[in-house]
Amino acid sequence: MESITDLGGEVFEIDTLMGGHAGITAGYLIRSDRPCLVETGTALSAPTVVDSLAHLGVGPADLATVVVTHIHLDHAGGVGDIAEAFPHAQVVVHERGARHLVDPTKLVASAHRVFGSVMDELFGDLKPTEAGRVVALGDVGMIDLGGGRRLEAFHAPGHASHHLGLLDPDTGDLYTGDAAGVYVPESDELRPATPPPDFDLDLALASMGRMRDIAPQRLLFSHYGPVSEVDSALERSEGVLREWVDLVRHARSLQMDLDHAVAMVRERTPLRIPPEAEYDERREAWEQLSSTAANVAGISRWLDKSEGPGSTSGDAASVRG
């Protein structure tokens, strides 16, 4: 299947085809003695994921574990559907996100308010999962993959308070979720992932520092794909994150409203996708996934909390929404 890429070590990238776009959102199957799916993609992606798992020989009785790095709907929106399709699988999530998988009412309602009609086009609604099947991890944990293989989970906040990083010591793979930003493979580019309400620069940098200390052999981005130049990627991600925070701080110093701040950030940090036939379509797809407006709003919210809405620290003043 075109949606499947063999990454070696019995690890398979599954393109979840979010919104019908290829190469935007990935899940990963670890085909171990206890098969494990890392990230489900959206609810609308669930049929693609189920078909991909079947193609890889993982049927309804075979999947042992579903792990989500965090509960944002592009990563965990399909949990309820996948849990229905694989009735023996446990669902693993950070303890701060567990209750939202059991009762997603508030999460789904909030997503509809934020995304409007786009919610039905890109995501679909997260279905509830039985509480008895949800395993809530604290700030560290271990997921048994069978045959002596495991995933080592650790809290990786900054993008979201309920974010986990996942290391497979057998392969050296580190599943980053959004904690190291967004990787755009067609331009070898790293972009920030800083939406409200949880973005915190200090926590994000600390999480990337922990990833560097772990010294993985490869980063597996949920958006999108594997990166082997680990130190370079983390350094670039930290750099662009600091750059965006500085740009938003500058916009605040100029008393820009949110729309003008977003326009400035877009102008100064354009996507570098090669201008081929699908150039505009690819830019739009990435913008839908990682909205500049949402990222700027998240940074501004953090600056309000850390420096104060009227603060002049770092020449900062409020971006007015």
C-alpha atoms as a PDB file:
ATOM      1  CA  MET A   1       0.000   0.000   0.000  1.00  0.00           C
ATOM      2  CA  GLU A   2       1.187   3.498  -0.808  1.00  0.00           C
ATOM      3  CA  SER A   3       0.304   4.622   2.708  1.00  0.00           C
ATOM      4  CA  ILE A   4       2.910   2.290   4.286  1.00  0.00           C
ATOM      5  CA  THR A   5       6.687   2.780   4.484  1.00  0.00           C
ATOM      6  CA  ASP A   6       8.979   0.133   5.995  1.00  0.00           C
ATOM      7  CA  LEU A   7      11.465   1.954   8.235  1.00  0.00           C
ATOM      8  CA  GLY A   8      13.346  -1.166   9.349  1.00  0.00           C
ATOM      9  CA  GLY A   9      13.394  -2.854  12.730  1.00  0.00           C
ATOM     10  CA  GLU A  10       9.761  -3.943  12.260  1.00  0.00           C
ATOM     11  CA  VAL A  11       8.698  -0.286  12.353  1.00  0.00           C
ATOM     12  CA  PHE A  12       6.267   0.916   9.691  1.00  0.00           C
ATOM     13  CA  GLU A  13       5.185   4.470   8.964  1.00  0.00           C
ATOM     14  CA  ILE A  14       1.477   4.719   8.152  1.00  0.00           C
ATOM     15  CA  ASP A  15       0.316   7.815   6.303  1.00  0.00           C
ATOM     16  CA  THR A  16      -3.044   8.601   7.900  1.00  0.00           C
ATOM     17  CA  LEU A  17      -3.973  10.855   4.958  1.00  0.00           C
ATOM     18  CA  MET A  18      -5.381  13.626   7.126  1.00  0.00           C
ATOM     19  CA  GLY A  19      -7.925  15.617   5.161  1.00  0.00           C
ATOM     20  CA  GLY A  20      -7.043  13.543   2.101  1.00  0.00           C
ATOM     21  CA  HIS A  21      -3.490  14.937   2.055  1.00  0.00           C
ATOM     22  CA  ALA A  22      -0.511  12.601   1.847  1.00  0.00           C
ATOM     23  CA  GLY A  23       2.628  13.229   3.862  1.00  0.00           C
ATOM     24  CA  ILE A  24       1.055  15.385   6.573  1.00  0.00           C
ATOM     25  CA  THR A  25       0.265  13.109   9.543  1.00  0.00           C
ATOM     26  CA  ALA A  26       1.818   9.734  10.372  1.00  0.00           C
ATOM     27  CA  GLY A  27       1.109   6.874  12.695  1.00  0.00           C
ATOM     28  CA  TYR A  28       3.666   4.137  13.350  1.00  0.00           C
ATOM     29  CA  LEU A  29       3.242   0.394  13.788  1.00  0.00           C
ATOM     30  CA  ILE A  30       5.843  -1.469  15.829  1.00  0.00           C
ATOM     31  CA  ARG A  31       5.265  -5.039  14.656  1.00  0.00           C
ATOM     32  CA  SER A  32       6.695  -6.726  17.731  1.00  0.00           C
ATOM     33  CA  ASP A  33       5.439  -9.747  19.684  1.00  0.00           C
ATOM     34  CA  ARG A  34       2.851  -7.369  21.139  1.00  0.00           C
ATOM     35  CA  PRO A  35       2.070  -5.103  18.162  1.00  0.00           C
ATOM     36  CA  CYS A  36       1.812  -1.427  19.066  1.00  0.00           C
ATOM     37  CA  LEU A  37       0.369   1.522  17.155  1.00  0.00           C
ATOM     38  CA  VAL A  38       1.855   4.915  17.997  1.00  0.00           C
ATOM     39  CA  GLU A  39      -0.656   7.672  17.064  1.00  0.00           C
ATOM     40  CA  THR A  40      -4.012   6.961  15.448  1.00  0.00           C
ATOM     41  CA  GLY A  41      -4.452  10.105  13.380  1.00  0.00           C
ATOM     42  CA  THR A  42      -7.904  11.652  13.183  1.00  0.00           C
ATOM     43  CA  ALA A  43     -11.234   9.868  13.457  1.00  0.00           C
ATOM     44  CA  LEU A  44     -11.647  10.292   9.696  1.00  0.00           C
ATOM     45  CA  SER A  45      -8.292   8.550   9.202  1.00  0.00           C
ATOM     46  CA  ALA A  46      -9.300   5.431  11.142  1.00  0.00           C
ATOM     47  CA  PRO A  47     -10.380   3.389   8.057  1.00  0.00           C
ATOM     48  CA  THR A  48      -7.024   4.075   6.409  1.00  0.00           C
ATOM     49  CA  VAL A  49      -5.177   3.018   9.548  1.00  0.00           C
ATOM     50  CA  VAL A  50      -7.254  -0.165   9.965  1.00  0.00           C
ATOM     51  CA  ASP A  51      -6.645  -1.127   6.319  1.00  0.00           C
ATOM     52  CA  SER A  52      -2.917  -0.427   6.662  1.00  0.00           C
ATOM     53  CA  LEU A  53      -2.657  -2.574   9.785  1.00  0.00           C
ATOM     54  CA  ALA A  54      -4.513  -5.410   8.033  1.00  0.00           C
ATOM     55  CA  HIS A  55      -2.073  -5.147   5.125  1.00  0.00           C
ATOM     56  CA  LEU A  56       0.764  -5.529   7.642  1.00  0.00           C
ATOM     57  CA  GLY A  57      -0.827  -8.641   9.112  1.00  0.00           C
ATOM     58  CA  VAL A  58      -2.345  -7.052  12.205  1.00  0.00           C
ATOM     59  CA  GLY A  59      -5.976  -8.090  12.494  1.00  0.00           C
ATOM     60  CA  PRO A  60      -8.705  -7.253  15.012  1.00  0.00           C
ATOM     61  CA  ALA A  61      -7.402  -9.727  17.616  1.00  0.00           C
ATOM     62  CA  ASP A  62      -3.720  -8.869  17.178  1.00  0.00           C
ATOM     63  CA  LEU A  63      -3.105  -5.262  18.161  1.00  0.00           C
ATOM     64  CA  ALA A  64      -1.956  -5.159  21.807  1.00  0.00           C
ATOM     65  CA  THR A  65      -1.425  -1.465  22.422  1.00  0.00           C
ATOM     66  CA  VAL A  66      -2.327   1.962  21.072  1.00  0.00           C
ATOM     67  CA  VAL A  67      -0.170   4.818  22.357  1.00  0.00           C
ATOM     68  CA  VAL A  68      -0.809   8.484  21.697  1.00  0.00           C
ATOM     69  CA  THR A  69       1.845  11.100  22.382  1.00  0.00           C
ATOM     70  CA  HIS A  70      -0.917  13.552  23.320  1.00  0.00           C
ATOM     71  CA  ILE A  71      -4.667  13.974  22.888  1.00  0.00           C
ATOM     72  CA  HIS A  72      -4.843  16.603  20.124  1.00  0.00           C
ATOM     73  CA  LEU A  73      -7.224  15.308  17.483  1.00  0.00           C
ATOM     74  CA  ASP A  74      -4.682  14.951  14.689  1.00  0.00           C
ATOM     75  CA  HIS A  75      -2.843  12.462  16.928  1.00  0.00           C
ATOM     76  CA  ALA A  76      -5.573  10.840  19.027  1.00  0.00           C
ATOM     77  CA  GLY A  77      -8.858  11.625  17.294  1.00  0.00           C
ATOM     78  CA  GLY A  78      -9.126   8.072  16.007  1.00  0.00           C
ATOM     79  CA  VAL A  79      -8.577   6.375  19.375  1.00  0.00           C
ATOM     80  CA  GLY A  80     -12.233   5.456  19.894  1.00  0.00           C
ATOM     81  CA  ASP A  81     -12.584   4.057  16.373  1.00  0.00           C
ATOM     82  CA  ILE A  82      -9.348   2.080  16.613  1.00  0.00           C
ATOM     83  CA  ALA A  83     -10.345   0.756  20.043  1.00  0.00           C
ATOM     84  CA  GLU A  84     -13.603  -0.525  18.519  1.00  0.00           C
ATOM     85  CA  ALA A  85     -11.768  -2.161  15.614  1.00  0.00           C
ATOM     86  CA  PHE A  86      -9.156  -3.795  17.882  1.00  0.00           C
ATOM     87  CA  PRO A  87     -11.083  -4.851  21.004  1.00  0.00           C
ATOM     88  CA  HIS A  88      -8.096  -6.333  22.871  1.00  0.00           C
ATOM     89  CA  ALA A  89      -5.831  -3.298  22.576  1.00  0.00           C
ATOM     90  CA  GLN A  90      -4.991  -1.170  25.587  1.00  0.00           C
ATOM     91  CA  VAL A  91      -4.875   2.589  25.040  1.00  0.00           C
ATOM     92  CA  VAL A  92      -1.911   4.363  26.649  1.00  0.00           C
ATOM     93  CA  VAL A  93      -1.830   8.119  27.279  1.00  0.00           C
ATOM     94  CA  HIS A  94      -0.378  10.590  29.779  1.00  0.00           C
ATOM     95  CA  GLU A  95      -2.469  10.837  32.928  1.00  0.00           C
ATOM     96  CA  ARG A  96      -3.417  14.453  32.159  1.00  0.00           C
ATOM     97  CA  GLY A  97      -5.142  13.370  28.957  1.00  0.00           C
ATOM     98  CA  ALA A  98      -6.715  10.083  30.037  1.00  0.00           C
ATOM     99  CA  ARG A  99     -10.099  11.426  31.157  1.00  0.00           C
ATOM    100  CA  HIS A 100     -10.624  13.113  27.775  1.00  0.00           C
ATOM    101  CA  LEU A 101     -10.338   9.776  25.977  1.00  0.00           C
ATOM    102  CA  VAL A 102     -12.912   8.241  28.304  1.00  0.00           C
ATOM    103  CA  ASP A 103     -15.265  11.226  28.031  1.00  0.00           C
ATOM    104  CA  PRO A 104     -14.274  13.395  25.054  1.00  0.00           C
ATOM    105  CA  THR A 105     -17.327  15.688  25.283  1.00  0.00           C
ATOM    106  CA  LYS A 106     -15.441  18.813  26.357  1.00  0.00           C
ATOM    107  CA  LEU A 107     -12.510  18.173  24.027  1.00  0.00           C
ATOM    108  CA  VAL A 108     -14.757  17.676  20.993  1.00  0.00           C
ATOM    109  CA  ALA A 109     -16.933  20.694  21.842  1.00  0.00           C
ATOM    110  CA  SER A 110     -13.835  22.864  22.170  1.00  0.00           C
ATOM    111  CA  ALA A 111     -12.495  21.607  18.839  1.00  0.00           C
ATOM    112  CA  HIS A 112     -15.774  22.444  17.103  1.00  0.00           C
ATOM    113  CA  ARG A 113     -15.620  25.989  18.517  1.00  0.00           C
ATOM    114  CA  VAL A 114     -12.040  26.454  17.334  1.00  0.00           C
ATOM    115  CA  PHE A 115     -12.240  24.799  13.909  1.00  0.00           C
ATOM    116  CA  GLY A 116     -15.877  25.321  12.904  1.00  0.00           C
ATOM    117  CA  SER A 117     -16.818  23.541   9.695  1.00  0.00           C
ATOM    118  CA  VAL A 118     -13.202  22.466   9.157  1.00  0.00           C
ATOM    119  CA  MET A 119     -13.676  20.081  12.082  1.00  0.00           C
ATOM    120  CA  ASP A 120     -15.944  17.851  10.000  1.00  0.00           C
ATOM    121  CA  GLU A 121     -13.644  18.046   6.969  1.00  0.00           C
ATOM    122  CA  LEU A 122     -10.313  17.325   8.673  1.00  0.00           C
ATOM    123  CA  PHE A 123     -10.918  15.596  11.986  1.00  0.00           C
ATOM    124  CA  GLY A 124     -14.315  14.104  12.782  1.00  0.00           C
ATOM    125  CA  ASP A 125     -15.407  13.480  16.365  1.00  0.00           C
ATOM    126  CA  LEU A 126     -13.365  11.526  18.890  1.00  0.00           C
ATOM    127  CA  LYS A 127     -15.400   8.580  20.195  1.00  0.00           C
ATOM    128  CA  PRO A 128     -15.168   7.577  23.876  1.00  0.00           C
ATOM    129  CA  THR A 129     -13.032   4.644  24.998  1.00  0.00           C
ATOM    130  CA  GLU A 130     -13.978   2.351  27.881  1.00  0.00           C
ATOM    131  CA  ALA A 131     -12.209   3.462  31.040  1.00  0.00           C
ATOM    132  CA  GLY A 132     -10.993  -0.062  31.738  1.00  0.00           C
ATOM    133  CA  ARG A 133      -8.963  -0.059  28.531  1.00  0.00           C
ATOM    134  CA  VAL A 134      -7.186   3.242  29.152  1.00  0.00           C
ATOM    135  CA  VAL A 135      -3.749   3.074  30.806  1.00  0.00           C
ATOM    136  CA  ALA A 136      -2.684   6.431  32.250  1.00  0.00           C
ATOM    137  CA  LEU A 137       1.056   6.989  32.592  1.00  0.00           C
ATOM    138  CA  GLY A 138       2.719   9.423  34.951  1.00  0.00           C
ATOM    139  CA  ASP A 139       5.820  11.379  34.028  1.00  0.00           C
ATOM    140  CA  VAL A 140       7.714   8.161  33.266  1.00  0.00           C
ATOM    141  CA  GLY A 141       6.479   4.744  32.243  1.00  0.00           C
ATOM    142  CA  MET A 142       7.137   1.617  30.226  1.00  0.00           C
ATOM    143  CA  ILE A 143       5.094  -0.066  27.481  1.00  0.00           C
ATOM    144  CA  ASP A 144       5.691  -3.784  26.954  1.00  0.00           C
ATOM    145  CA  LEU A 145       6.170  -4.676  23.289  1.00  0.00           C
ATOM    146  CA  GLY A 146       6.827  -8.366  24.005  1.00  0.00           C
ATOM    147  CA  GLY A 147       9.974 -10.433  23.522  1.00  0.00           C
ATOM    148  CA  GLY A 148      11.932  -8.148  25.842  1.00  0.00           C
ATOM    149  CA  ARG A 149      11.253  -5.086  23.702  1.00  0.00           C
ATOM    150  CA  ARG A 150       9.704  -1.962  25.211  1.00  0.00           C
ATOM    151  CA  LEU A 151       8.911   1.690  24.802  1.00  0.00           C
ATOM    152  CA  GLU A 152      10.204   4.024  27.489  1.00  0.00           C
ATOM    153  CA  ALA A 153       7.781   6.920  27.983  1.00  0.00           C
ATOM    154  CA  PHE A 154       8.642  10.291  29.515  1.00  0.00           C
ATOM    155  CA  HIS A 155       6.723  13.521  30.039  1.00  0.00           C
ATOM    156  CA  ALA A 156       7.578  16.036  27.294  1.00  0.00           C
ATOM    157  CA  PRO A 157       5.487  19.191  27.911  1.00  0.00           C
ATOM    158  CA  GLY A 158       5.787  22.540  26.155  1.00  0.00           C
ATOM    159  CA  HIS A 159       3.532  21.854  23.199  1.00  0.00           C
ATOM    160  CA  ALA A 160       0.889  20.296  25.459  1.00  0.00           C
ATOM    161  CA  SER A 161       0.778  19.541  29.176  1.00  0.00           C
ATOM    162  CA  HIS A 162      -0.282  15.946  28.420  1.00  0.00           C
ATOM    163  CA  HIS A 163       2.535  15.170  25.975  1.00  0.00           C
ATOM    164  CA  LEU A 164       4.715  12.054  26.085  1.00  0.00           C
ATOM    165  CA  GLY A 165       7.947  11.246  24.312  1.00  0.00           C
ATOM    166  CA  LEU A 166       8.535   7.562  23.495  1.00  0.00           C
ATOM    167  CA  LEU A 167      11.915   5.861  23.101  1.00  0.00           C
ATOM    168  CA  ASP A 168      12.427   2.395  21.617  1.00  0.00           C
ATOM    169  CA  PRO A 169      15.866   1.340  22.952  1.00  0.00           C
ATOM    170  CA  ASP A 170      16.052  -1.562  20.485  1.00  0.00           C
ATOM    171  CA  THR A 171      16.028   0.695  17.420  1.00  0.00           C
ATOM    172  CA  GLY A 172      17.033   4.016  18.972  1.00  0.00           C
ATOM    173  CA  ASP A 173      13.826   5.553  17.610  1.00  0.00           C
ATOM    174  CA  LEU A 174      12.316   8.471  19.496  1.00  0.00           C
ATOM    175  CA  TYR A 175       8.658   9.210  18.745  1.00  0.00           C
ATOM    176  CA  THR A 176       8.448  12.982  19.112  1.00  0.00           C
ATOM    177  CA  GLY A 177       4.757  13.777  18.603  1.00  0.00           C
ATOM    178  CA  ASP A 178       4.802  17.587  18.382  1.00  0.00           C
ATOM    179  CA  ALA A 179       7.313  18.162  21.183  1.00  0.00           C
ATOM    180  CA  ALA A 180      10.130  18.872  18.706  1.00  0.00           C
ATOM    181  CA  GLY A 181       7.928  20.810  16.299  1.00  0.00           C
ATOM    182  CA  VAL A 182       6.767  19.898  12.813  1.00  0.00           C
ATOM    183  CA  TYR A 183       9.069  18.464  10.129  1.00  0.00           C
ATOM    184  CA  VAL A 184       8.275  19.245   6.474  1.00  0.00           C
ATOM    185  CA  PRO A 185      10.117  16.544   4.491  1.00  0.00           C
ATOM    186  CA  GLU A 186       9.786  18.093   1.033  1.00  0.00           C
ATOM    187  CA  SER A 187      11.777  21.134   2.150  1.00  0.00           C
ATOM    188  CA  ASP A 188      13.758  19.517   5.007  1.00  0.00           C
ATOM    189  CA  GLU A 189      12.298  22.243   7.197  1.00  0.00           C
ATOM    190  CA  LEU A 190      11.351  22.399  10.865  1.00  0.00           C
ATOM    191  CA  ARG A 191       8.463  24.579  12.012  1.00  0.00           C
ATOM    192  CA  PRO A 192       7.128  25.437  15.474  1.00  0.00           C
ATOM    193  CA  ALA A 193       4.021  23.835  16.954  1.00  0.00           C
ATOM    194  CA  THR A 194       2.893  26.396  19.538  1.00  0.00           C
ATOM    195  CA  PRO A 195      -0.926  26.522  19.667  1.00  0.00           C
ATOM    196  CA  PRO A 196      -2.834  27.680  22.730  1.00  0.00           C
ATOM    197  CA  PRO A 197      -3.566  26.961  25.477  1.00  0.00           C
ATOM    198  CA  ASP A 198      -0.560  24.958  26.675  1.00  0.00           C
ATOM    199  CA  PHE A 199       2.470  26.287  24.792  1.00  0.00           C
ATOM    200  CA  ASP A 200       5.332  27.124  27.126  1.00  0.00           C
ATOM    201  CA  LEU A 201       8.721  28.068  25.673  1.00  0.00           C
ATOM    202  CA  ASP A 202      10.760  27.040  28.696  1.00  0.00           C
ATOM    203  CA  LEU A 203       9.089  23.645  28.961  1.00  0.00           C
ATOM    204  CA  ALA A 204       9.393  23.076  25.200  1.00  0.00           C
ATOM    205  CA  LEU A 205      13.119  23.805  25.252  1.00  0.00           C
ATOM    206  CA  ALA A 206      13.569  21.582  28.298  1.00  0.00           C
ATOM    207  CA  SER A 207      11.746  18.729  26.541  1.00  0.00           C
ATOM    208  CA  MET A 208      13.978  19.036  23.486  1.00  0.00           C
ATOM    209  CA  GLY A 209      16.995  19.139  25.781  1.00  0.00           C
ATOM    210  CA  ARG A 210      15.878  15.869  27.326  1.00  0.00           C
ATOM    211  CA  MET A 211      15.482  14.375  23.855  1.00  0.00           C
ATOM    212  CA  ARG A 212      19.066  15.385  23.072  1.00  0.00           C
ATOM    213  CA  ASP A 213      20.319  13.865  26.344  1.00  0.00           C
ATOM    214  CA  ILE A 214      18.606  10.562  25.522  1.00  0.00           C
ATOM    215  CA  ALA A 215      20.753  10.444  22.351  1.00  0.00           C
ATOM    216  CA  PRO A 216      18.333   8.604  20.039  1.00  0.00           C
ATOM    217  CA  GLN A 217      19.446   7.299  16.671  1.00  0.00           C
ATOM    218  CA  ARG A 218      16.419   8.663  14.828  1.00  0.00           C
ATOM    219  CA  LEU A 219      13.490  11.012  15.395  1.00  0.00           C
ATOM    220  CA  LEU A 220      10.082   9.858  14.182  1.00  0.00           C
ATOM    221  CA  PHE A 221       7.889  12.914  13.707  1.00  0.00           C
ATOM    222  CA  SER A 222       4.131  12.553  13.680  1.00  0.00           C
ATOM    223  CA  HIS A 223       4.327  15.424  11.192  1.00  0.00           C
ATOM    224  CA  TYR A 224       6.081  14.004   9.252  1.00  0.00           C
ATOM    225  CA  GLY A 225       8.389  11.044   9.051  1.00  0.00           C
ATOM    226  CA  PRO A 226      11.875   9.928  10.105  1.00  0.00           C
ATOM    227  CA  VAL A 227      14.882  12.194  10.600  1.00  0.00           C
ATOM    228  CA  SER A 228      18.332  10.687  11.243  1.00  0.00           C
ATOM    229  CA  GLU A 229      20.261  13.931  11.775  1.00  0.00           C
ATOM    230  CA  VAL A 230      19.087  14.081  15.370  1.00  0.00           C
ATOM    231  CA  ASP A 231      21.305  16.776  16.892  1.00  0.00           C
ATOM    232  CA  SER A 232      20.944  19.034  13.855  1.00  0.00           C
ATOM    233  CA  ALA A 233      17.167  18.632  13.804  1.00  0.00           C
ATOM    234  CA  LEU A 234      16.770  19.448  17.494  1.00  0.00           C
ATOM    235  CA  GLU A 235      19.116  22.422  17.180  1.00  0.00           C
ATOM    236  CA  ARG A 236      17.175  23.738  14.189  1.00  0.00           C
ATOM    237  CA  SER A 237      13.854  23.204  15.924  1.00  0.00           C
ATOM    238  CA  GLU A 238      15.037  25.109  18.998  1.00  0.00           C
ATOM    239  CA  GLY A 239      16.354  27.895  16.776  1.00  0.00           C
ATOM    240  CA  VAL A 240      13.170  28.404  14.788  1.00  0.00           C
ATOM    241  CA  LEU A 241      11.096  28.249  17.962  1.00  0.00           C
ATOM    242  CA  ARG A 242      13.148  31.043  19.533  1.00  0.00           C
ATOM    243  CA  GLU A 243      12.908  33.001  16.274  1.00  0.00           C
ATOM    244  CA  TRP A 244       9.100  32.847  16.248  1.00  0.00           C
ATOM    245  CA  VAL A 245       8.889  33.884  19.897  1.00  0.00           C
ATOM    246  CA  ASP A 246      11.160  36.851  19.156  1.00  0.00           C
ATOM    247  CA  LEU A 247       9.018  37.824  16.160  1.00  0.00           C
ATOM    248  CA  VAL A 248       5.808  37.743  18.196  1.00  0.00           C
ATOM    249  CA  ARG A 249       7.503  39.703  20.981  1.00  0.00           C
ATOM    250  CA  HIS A 250       8.528  42.296  18.384  1.00  0.00           C
ATOM    251  CA  ALA A 251       4.966  42.465  17.044  1.00  0.00           C
ATOM    252  CA  ARG A 252       3.758  43.125  20.579  1.00  0.00           C
ATOM    253  CA  SER A 253       6.288  45.948  20.945  1.00  0.00           C
ATOM    254  CA  LEU A 254       4.779  47.542  17.827  1.00  0.00           C
ATOM    255  CA  GLN A 255       1.245  47.166  19.240  1.00  0.00           C
ATOM    256  CA  MET A 256       0.235  45.022  16.263  1.00  0.00           C
ATOM    257  CA  ASP A 257      -3.125  43.295  16.322  1.00  0.00           C
ATOM    258  CA  LEU A 258      -3.146  39.530  15.855  1.00  0.00           C
ATOM    259  CA  ASP A 259      -3.858  39.597  12.113  1.00  0.00           C
ATOM    260  CA  HIS A 260      -0.918  41.903  11.421  1.00  0.00           C
ATOM    261  CA  ALA A 261       1.355  39.864  13.678  1.00  0.00           C
ATOM    262  CA  VAL A 262       0.417  36.689  11.812  1.00  0.00           C
ATOM    263  CA  ALA A 263       1.047  38.386   8.457  1.00  0.00           C
ATOM    264  CA  MET A 264       4.477  39.532   9.630  1.00  0.00           C
ATOM    265  CA  VAL A 265       5.452  36.079  10.846  1.00  0.00           C
ATOM    266  CA  ARG A 266       4.264  34.494   7.582  1.00  0.00           C
ATOM    267  CA  GLU A 267       6.268  37.012   5.565  1.00  0.00           C
ATOM    268  CA  ARG A 268       9.470  36.520   7.538  1.00  0.00           C
ATOM    269  CA  THR A 269       9.270  32.717   7.896  1.00  0.00           C
ATOM    270  CA  PRO A 270       7.679  31.443   4.670  1.00  0.00           C
ATOM    271  CA  LEU A 271       7.413  27.732   3.957  1.00  0.00           C
ATOM    272  CA  ARG A 272      10.269  26.805   1.623  1.00  0.00           C
ATOM    273  CA  ILE A 273       8.423  24.088  -0.288  1.00  0.00           C
ATOM    274  CA  PRO A 274       9.857  23.915  -3.837  1.00  0.00           C
ATOM    275  CA  PRO A 275       7.554  25.780  -6.285  1.00  0.00           C
ATOM    276  CA  GLU A 276       6.377  22.788  -8.256  1.00  0.00           C
ATOM    277  CA  ALA A 277       2.924  22.006  -9.644  1.00  0.00           C
ATOM    278  CA  GLU A 278       1.421  21.234  -6.229  1.00  0.00           C
ATOM    279  CA  TYR A 279       3.151  24.114  -4.441  1.00  0.00           C
ATOM    280  CA  ASP A 280       0.034  26.039  -3.391  1.00  0.00           C
ATOM    281  CA  GLU A 281      -1.827  22.862  -2.408  1.00  0.00           C
ATOM    282  CA  ARG A 282       1.036  21.675  -0.209  1.00  0.00           C
ATOM    283  CA  ARG A 283       1.409  25.050   1.473  1.00  0.00           C
ATOM    284  CA  GLU A 284      -2.323  25.091   2.212  1.00  0.00           C
ATOM    285  CA  ALA A 285      -2.215  21.551   3.604  1.00  0.00           C
ATOM    286  CA  TRP A 286       0.648  22.363   5.968  1.00  0.00           C
ATOM    287  CA  GLU A 287      -1.047  25.599   6.991  1.00  0.00           C
ATOM    288  CA  GLN A 288      -4.217  23.670   7.850  1.00  0.00           C
ATOM    289  CA  LEU A 289      -2.199  21.327  10.024  1.00  0.00           C
ATOM    290  CA  SER A 290      -0.004  23.893  11.761  1.00  0.00           C
ATOM    291  CA  SER A 291      -1.789  27.213  11.463  1.00  0.00           C
ATOM    292  CA  THR A 292       0.440  30.275  11.705  1.00  0.00           C
ATOM    293  CA  ALA A 293      -2.439  32.131  13.345  1.00  0.00           C
ATOM    294  CA  ALA A 294      -2.813  29.464  16.045  1.00  0.00           C
ATOM    295  CA  ASN A 295       0.928  29.298  16.626  1.00  0.00           C
ATOM    296  CA  VAL A 296       1.223  33.089  16.961  1.00  0.00           C
ATOM    297  CA  ALA A 297      -1.776  33.128  19.329  1.00  0.00           C
ATOM    298  CA  GLY A 298      -0.185  30.415  21.463  1.00  0.00           C
ATOM    299  CA  ILE A 299       3.098  32.292  21.693  1.00  0.00           C
ATOM    300  CA  SER A 300       1.328  35.533  22.568  1.00  0.00           C
ATOM    301  CA  ARG A 301      -0.664  33.783  25.273  1.00  0.00           C
ATOM    302  CA  TRP A 302       2.564  32.443  26.786  1.00  0.00           C
ATOM    303  CA  LEU A 303       4.127  35.920  26.641  1.00  0.00           C
ATOM    304  CA  ASP A 304       1.072  37.298  28.449  1.00  0.00           C
ATOM    305  CA  LYS A 305       1.623  34.758  31.220  1.00  0.00           C
ATOM    306  CA  SER A 306       5.412  35.044  31.421  1.00  0.00           C
ATOM    307  CA  GLU A 307       5.892  38.768  30.819  1.00  0.00           C
ATOM    308  CA  GLY A 308       2.420  40.176  31.413  1.00  0.00           C
ATOM    309  CA  PRO A 309       0.032  41.705  28.868  1.00  0.00           C
ATOM    310  CA  GLY A 310       1.297  45.190  29.614  1.00  0.00           C
ATOM    311  CA  SER A 311       4.910  44.276  30.171  1.00  0.00           C
ATOM    312  CA  THR A 312       7.734  46.011  28.361  1.00  0.00           C
ATOM    313  CA  SER A 313      10.151  43.187  29.199  1.00  0.00           C
ATOM    314  CA  GLY A 314      11.992  42.436  25.984  1.00  0.00           C
ATOM    315  CA  ASP A 315      10.121  45.377  24.409  1.00  0.00           C
ATOM    316  CA  ALA A 316       6.918  43.369  24.713  1.00  0.00           C
ATOM    317  CA  ALA A 317       3.361  44.645  24.630  1.00  0.00           C
ATOM    318  CA  SER A 318       0.129  42.831  23.896  1.00  0.00           C
ATOM    319  CA  VAL A 319      -0.784  41.446  20.515  1.00  0.00           C
ATOM    320  CA  ARG A 320      -4.453  42.342  20.485  1.00  0.00           C
ATOM    321  CA  GLY A 321      -6.710  39.475  19.376  1.00  0.00           C
END
